[in-house]
Amino acid sequence: MGVTIGFIGATTEELDRAEKDPAWADGYTFELYTGDDVPARPQGGPDKAWGGLQFLLDQTDLYLDFLMDGSPILEDGTLFGWSAVQIESLARQLRATSWEELAVHYDPEQMMKEEVYPNVWRFDPEGELEWLKSAYEELVAFFSEAAEGGYGAFMSFSF
């Protein structure tokens, strides 16, 4: 399966409750991701591409750190809350940062040297660049849609 990151929109009330009751949040977010009878809300994320995107983002003025941003909800580091203010700010920054601005920093050799997850960059460099582009577009779409709806987010980190 691998190490993945995913986002799903969350209301301010849900995030407040999650902070007070992490056990509730754990079950609730599982239902949001897998349940059939849940309200529609934005979801998406970089999935396994988070490490490659982080490498590219770190070369820009855009500050987004998948592993450090957000507020930890579960002690095991698998669930985080992102406020509506954070989502709105990042949505604005992501929309202002074109894929081309990130892609110029793509360096498969350096990424292999630094063991950037998932450390596949040498096998099909051009294909992996397209994969990162698709993941970035999904990330921008999620943050934009969540911001437009006034959502914060739950971020799951599974390993």
C-alpha atoms as a PDB file:
ATOM      1  CA  MET A   1       0.000   0.000   0.000  1.00  0.00           C
ATOM      2  CA  GLY A   2       2.667   2.541   0.906  1.00  0.00           C
ATOM      3  CA  VAL A   3       2.648   5.844   2.727  1.00  0.00           C
ATOM      4  CA  THR A   4      -0.242   8.026   1.595  1.00  0.00           C
ATOM      5  CA  ILE A   5      -1.760  11.400   2.398  1.00  0.00           C
ATOM      6  CA  GLY A   6      -5.358  12.317   1.717  1.00  0.00           C
ATOM      7  CA  PHE A   7      -7.614  15.252   2.506  1.00  0.00           C
ATOM      8  CA  ILE A   8     -11.345  15.507   3.040  1.00  0.00           C
ATOM      9  CA  GLY A   9     -13.324  18.648   3.765  1.00  0.00           C
ATOM     10  CA  ALA A  10     -14.327  19.241   7.386  1.00  0.00           C
ATOM     11  CA  THR A  11     -16.545  21.799   9.018  1.00  0.00           C
ATOM     12  CA  THR A  12     -15.272  23.998  11.827  1.00  0.00           C
ATOM     13  CA  GLU A  13     -17.635  22.157  14.176  1.00  0.00           C
ATOM     14  CA  GLU A  14     -16.210  18.777  13.144  1.00  0.00           C
ATOM     15  CA  LEU A  15     -12.656  19.998  13.640  1.00  0.00           C
ATOM     16  CA  ASP A  16     -13.520  21.412  17.078  1.00  0.00           C
ATOM     17  CA  ARG A  17     -15.146  18.147  18.116  1.00  0.00           C
ATOM     18  CA  ALA A  18     -12.209  16.144  16.749  1.00  0.00           C
ATOM     19  CA  GLU A  19      -9.797  18.166  18.862  1.00  0.00           C
ATOM     20  CA  LYS A  20     -11.845  17.418  21.991  1.00  0.00           C
ATOM     21  CA  ASP A  21     -12.631  13.793  21.131  1.00  0.00           C
ATOM     22  CA  PRO A  22      -9.943  12.130  18.999  1.00  0.00           C
ATOM     23  CA  ALA A  23     -11.613   8.704  19.267  1.00  0.00           C
ATOM     24  CA  TRP A  24     -14.751  10.173  17.696  1.00  0.00           C
ATOM     25  CA  ALA A  25     -12.641  11.764  14.966  1.00  0.00           C
ATOM     26  CA  ASP A  26     -10.957   8.467  14.130  1.00  0.00           C
ATOM     27  CA  GLY A  27     -14.279   6.704  13.537  1.00  0.00           C
ATOM     28  CA  TYR A  28     -15.908   9.695  11.888  1.00  0.00           C
ATOM     29  CA  THR A  29     -13.168  10.258   9.326  1.00  0.00           C
ATOM     30  CA  PHE A  30     -13.197   6.537   8.489  1.00  0.00           C
ATOM     31  CA  GLU A  31     -16.911   6.916   7.724  1.00  0.00           C
ATOM     32  CA  LEU A  32     -16.282  10.047   5.648  1.00  0.00           C
ATOM     33  CA  TYR A  33     -13.767   8.214   3.494  1.00  0.00           C
ATOM     34  CA  THR A  34     -15.604   4.909   3.197  1.00  0.00           C
ATOM     35  CA  GLY A  35     -19.265   5.413   4.076  1.00  0.00           C
ATOM     36  CA  ASP A  36     -22.052   5.420   1.526  1.00  0.00           C
ATOM     37  CA  ASP A  37     -24.400   7.663   3.480  1.00  0.00           C
ATOM     38  CA  VAL A  38     -22.235  10.724   4.118  1.00  0.00           C
ATOM     39  CA  PRO A  39     -22.719  14.256   2.821  1.00  0.00           C
ATOM     40  CA  ALA A  40     -20.772  15.122  -0.310  1.00  0.00           C
ATOM     41  CA  ARG A  41     -17.693  17.197   0.379  1.00  0.00           C
ATOM     42  CA  PRO A  42     -14.385  17.887  -1.311  1.00  0.00           C
ATOM     43  CA  GLN A  43     -11.757  15.224  -1.038  1.00  0.00           C
ATOM     44  CA  GLY A  44      -8.480  14.382  -2.696  1.00  0.00           C
ATOM     45  CA  GLY A  45      -4.848  14.603  -2.070  1.00  0.00           C
ATOM     46  CA  PRO A  46      -1.444  13.761  -3.221  1.00  0.00           C
ATOM     47  CA  ASP A  47      -1.701  10.094  -2.156  1.00  0.00           C
ATOM     48  CA  LYS A  48       1.809   8.575  -2.605  1.00  0.00           C
ATOM     49  CA  ALA A  49       3.038  11.611  -4.556  1.00  0.00           C
ATOM     50  CA  TRP A  50       3.283  13.756  -1.397  1.00  0.00           C
ATOM     51  CA  GLY A  51       7.064  13.311  -1.043  1.00  0.00           C
ATOM     52  CA  GLY A  52       7.767  14.287  -4.641  1.00  0.00           C
ATOM     53  CA  LEU A  53       5.453  17.276  -4.399  1.00  0.00           C
ATOM     54  CA  GLN A  54       7.064  18.296  -1.124  1.00  0.00           C
ATOM     55  CA  PHE A  55      10.480  18.224  -2.828  1.00  0.00           C
ATOM     56  CA  LEU A  56       9.185  20.549  -5.569  1.00  0.00           C
ATOM     57  CA  LEU A  57       7.284  22.834  -3.193  1.00  0.00           C
ATOM     58  CA  ASP A  58      10.365  23.223  -1.007  1.00  0.00           C
ATOM     59  CA  GLN A  59      12.119  24.888  -3.951  1.00  0.00           C
ATOM     60  CA  THR A  60       9.470  27.641  -4.160  1.00  0.00           C
ATOM     61  CA  ASP A  61       8.198  30.489  -2.007  1.00  0.00           C
ATOM     62  CA  LEU A  62       5.018  28.526  -1.292  1.00  0.00           C
ATOM     63  CA  TYR A  63       5.097  27.166   2.234  1.00  0.00           C
ATOM     64  CA  LEU A  64       3.261  23.890   2.572  1.00  0.00           C
ATOM     65  CA  ASP A  65       4.659  21.090   4.691  1.00  0.00           C
ATOM     66  CA  PHE A  66       2.492  17.991   4.539  1.00  0.00           C
ATOM     67  CA  LEU A  67       4.100  16.456   7.605  1.00  0.00           C
ATOM     68  CA  MET A  68       4.224  19.546   9.823  1.00  0.00           C
ATOM     69  CA  ASP A  69       1.182  21.648   8.952  1.00  0.00           C
ATOM     70  CA  GLY A  70      -2.195  21.060  10.481  1.00  0.00           C
ATOM     71  CA  SER A  71      -2.981  20.174  14.080  1.00  0.00           C
ATOM     72  CA  PRO A  72      -2.419  16.596  15.213  1.00  0.00           C
ATOM     73  CA  ILE A  73      -5.643  14.894  16.248  1.00  0.00           C
ATOM     74  CA  LEU A  74      -4.482  11.331  16.865  1.00  0.00           C
ATOM     75  CA  GLU A  75      -1.359  10.698  18.911  1.00  0.00           C
ATOM     76  CA  ASP A  76      -0.079   8.173  16.381  1.00  0.00           C
ATOM     77  CA  GLY A  77       0.297  10.930  13.755  1.00  0.00           C
ATOM     78  CA  THR A  78      -2.264   9.536  11.318  1.00  0.00           C
ATOM     79  CA  LEU A  79      -4.907  12.277  11.483  1.00  0.00           C
ATOM     80  CA  PHE A  80      -4.566  16.061  11.396  1.00  0.00           C
ATOM     81  CA  GLY A  81      -6.978  18.962  11.283  1.00  0.00           C
ATOM     82  CA  TRP A  82      -6.517  21.950   8.963  1.00  0.00           C
ATOM     83  CA  SER A  83      -8.599  25.051   9.666  1.00  0.00           C
ATOM     84  CA  ALA A  84     -10.714  26.796   7.056  1.00  0.00           C
ATOM     85  CA  VAL A  85      -8.302  29.733   7.308  1.00  0.00           C
ATOM     86  CA  GLN A  86      -5.331  27.473   6.486  1.00  0.00           C
ATOM     87  CA  ILE A  87      -7.220  25.896   3.590  1.00  0.00           C
ATOM     88  CA  GLU A  88      -8.238  29.257   2.150  1.00  0.00           C
ATOM     89  CA  SER A  89      -4.703  30.640   2.406  1.00  0.00           C
ATOM     90  CA  LEU A  90      -3.149  27.584   0.805  1.00  0.00           C
ATOM     91  CA  ALA A  91      -5.785  27.498  -1.923  1.00  0.00           C
ATOM     92  CA  ARG A  92      -4.863  31.049  -2.884  1.00  0.00           C
ATOM     93  CA  GLN A  93      -1.144  30.222  -2.906  1.00  0.00           C
ATOM     94  CA  LEU A  94      -1.590  26.974  -4.845  1.00  0.00           C
ATOM     95  CA  ARG A  95      -3.759  28.643  -7.492  1.00  0.00           C
ATOM     96  CA  ALA A  96      -1.037  31.293  -7.889  1.00  0.00           C
ATOM     97  CA  THR A  97       1.684  28.661  -8.333  1.00  0.00           C
ATOM     98  CA  SER A  98       1.597  27.086 -11.770  1.00  0.00           C
ATOM     99  CA  TRP A  99       2.694  23.544 -12.395  1.00  0.00           C
ATOM    100  CA  GLU A 100       5.446  24.901 -14.637  1.00  0.00           C
ATOM    101  CA  GLU A 101       6.910  26.806 -11.668  1.00  0.00           C
ATOM    102  CA  LEU A 102       7.215  23.528  -9.784  1.00  0.00           C
ATOM    103  CA  ALA A 103       8.243  21.305 -12.682  1.00  0.00           C
ATOM    104  CA  VAL A 104      11.446  23.273 -13.343  1.00  0.00           C
ATOM    105  CA  HIS A 105      12.720  21.936  -9.999  1.00  0.00           C
ATOM    106  CA  TYR A 106      12.159  18.295 -10.923  1.00  0.00           C
ATOM    107  CA  ASP A 107      15.502  16.526 -10.514  1.00  0.00           C
ATOM    108  CA  PRO A 108      15.160  12.731 -10.519  1.00  0.00           C
ATOM    109  CA  GLU A 109      18.831  12.195  -9.670  1.00  0.00           C
ATOM    110  CA  GLN A 110      18.716  14.496  -6.658  1.00  0.00           C
ATOM    111  CA  MET A 111      15.392  13.030  -5.576  1.00  0.00           C
ATOM    112  CA  MET A 112      16.891   9.527  -5.663  1.00  0.00           C
ATOM    113  CA  LYS A 113      19.955  10.747  -3.783  1.00  0.00           C
ATOM    114  CA  GLU A 114      17.761  12.304  -1.091  1.00  0.00           C
ATOM    115  CA  GLU A 115      15.512   9.210  -1.079  1.00  0.00           C
ATOM    116  CA  VAL A 116      12.403  11.292  -1.718  1.00  0.00           C
ATOM    117  CA  TYR A 117       9.387   9.070  -1.158  1.00  0.00           C
ATOM    118  CA  PRO A 118       8.417   6.861  -2.955  1.00  0.00           C
ATOM    119  CA  ASN A 119      11.931   6.758  -4.415  1.00  0.00           C
ATOM    120  CA  VAL A 120      10.870   5.700  -7.922  1.00  0.00           C
ATOM    121  CA  TRP A 121      12.247   8.666  -9.825  1.00  0.00           C
ATOM    122  CA  ARG A 122      14.880   6.828 -11.868  1.00  0.00           C
ATOM    123  CA  PHE A 123      12.585   4.176 -13.358  1.00  0.00           C
ATOM    124  CA  ASP A 124      10.495   6.414 -15.616  1.00  0.00           C
ATOM    125  CA  PRO A 125      11.489  10.046 -15.004  1.00  0.00           C
ATOM    126  CA  GLU A 126       9.079  11.554 -17.540  1.00  0.00           C
ATOM    127  CA  GLY A 127       6.215   9.328 -16.429  1.00  0.00           C
ATOM    128  CA  GLU A 128       6.851  10.225 -12.792  1.00  0.00           C
ATOM    129  CA  LEU A 129       6.835  13.921 -13.680  1.00  0.00           C
ATOM    130  CA  GLU A 130       3.399  13.463 -15.275  1.00  0.00           C
ATOM    131  CA  TRP A 131       2.270  11.592 -12.155  1.00  0.00           C
ATOM    132  CA  LEU A 132       3.396  14.519  -9.985  1.00  0.00           C
ATOM    133  CA  LYS A 133       1.591  16.957 -12.283  1.00  0.00           C
ATOM    134  CA  SER A 134      -1.636  15.001 -11.933  1.00  0.00           C
ATOM    135  CA  ALA A 135      -1.234  14.867  -8.140  1.00  0.00           C
ATOM    136  CA  TYR A 136      -0.572  18.615  -8.009  1.00  0.00           C
ATOM    137  CA  GLU A 137      -3.648  19.362 -10.086  1.00  0.00           C
ATOM    138  CA  GLU A 138      -5.737  17.194  -7.747  1.00  0.00           C
ATOM    139  CA  LEU A 139      -4.266  18.975  -4.727  1.00  0.00           C
ATOM    140  CA  VAL A 140      -5.035  22.417  -6.176  1.00  0.00           C
ATOM    141  CA  ALA A 141      -8.565  21.285  -7.034  1.00  0.00           C
ATOM    142  CA  PHE A 142      -9.150  19.967  -3.507  1.00  0.00           C
ATOM    143  CA  PHE A 143      -7.880  23.097  -1.760  1.00  0.00           C
ATOM    144  CA  SER A 144      -9.813  25.361  -4.157  1.00  0.00           C
ATOM    145  CA  GLU A 145     -13.074  23.460  -3.773  1.00  0.00           C
ATOM    146  CA  ALA A 146     -12.695  23.221   0.016  1.00  0.00           C
ATOM    147  CA  ALA A 147     -11.936  26.951   0.273  1.00  0.00           C
ATOM    148  CA  GLU A 148     -14.925  27.857  -1.898  1.00  0.00           C
ATOM    149  CA  GLY A 149     -17.151  25.764   0.390  1.00  0.00           C
ATOM    150  CA  GLY A 150     -15.708  27.286   3.556  1.00  0.00           C
ATOM    151  CA  TYR A 151     -14.286  23.953   4.669  1.00  0.00           C
ATOM    152  CA  GLY A 152     -11.298  23.100   6.751  1.00  0.00           C
ATOM    153  CA  ALA A 153      -9.944  19.586   6.289  1.00  0.00           C
ATOM    154  CA  PHE A 154      -9.015  16.342   7.884  1.00  0.00           C
ATOM    155  CA  MET A 155      -5.699  15.059   6.577  1.00  0.00           C
ATOM    156  CA  SER A 156      -5.034  11.345   6.895  1.00  0.00           C
ATOM    157  CA  PHE A 157      -1.488  10.049   6.914  1.00  0.00           C
ATOM    158  CA  SER A 158      -1.392   6.301   6.491  1.00  0.00           C
ATOM    159  CA  PHE A 159       1.674   4.140   6.573  1.00  0.00           C
END
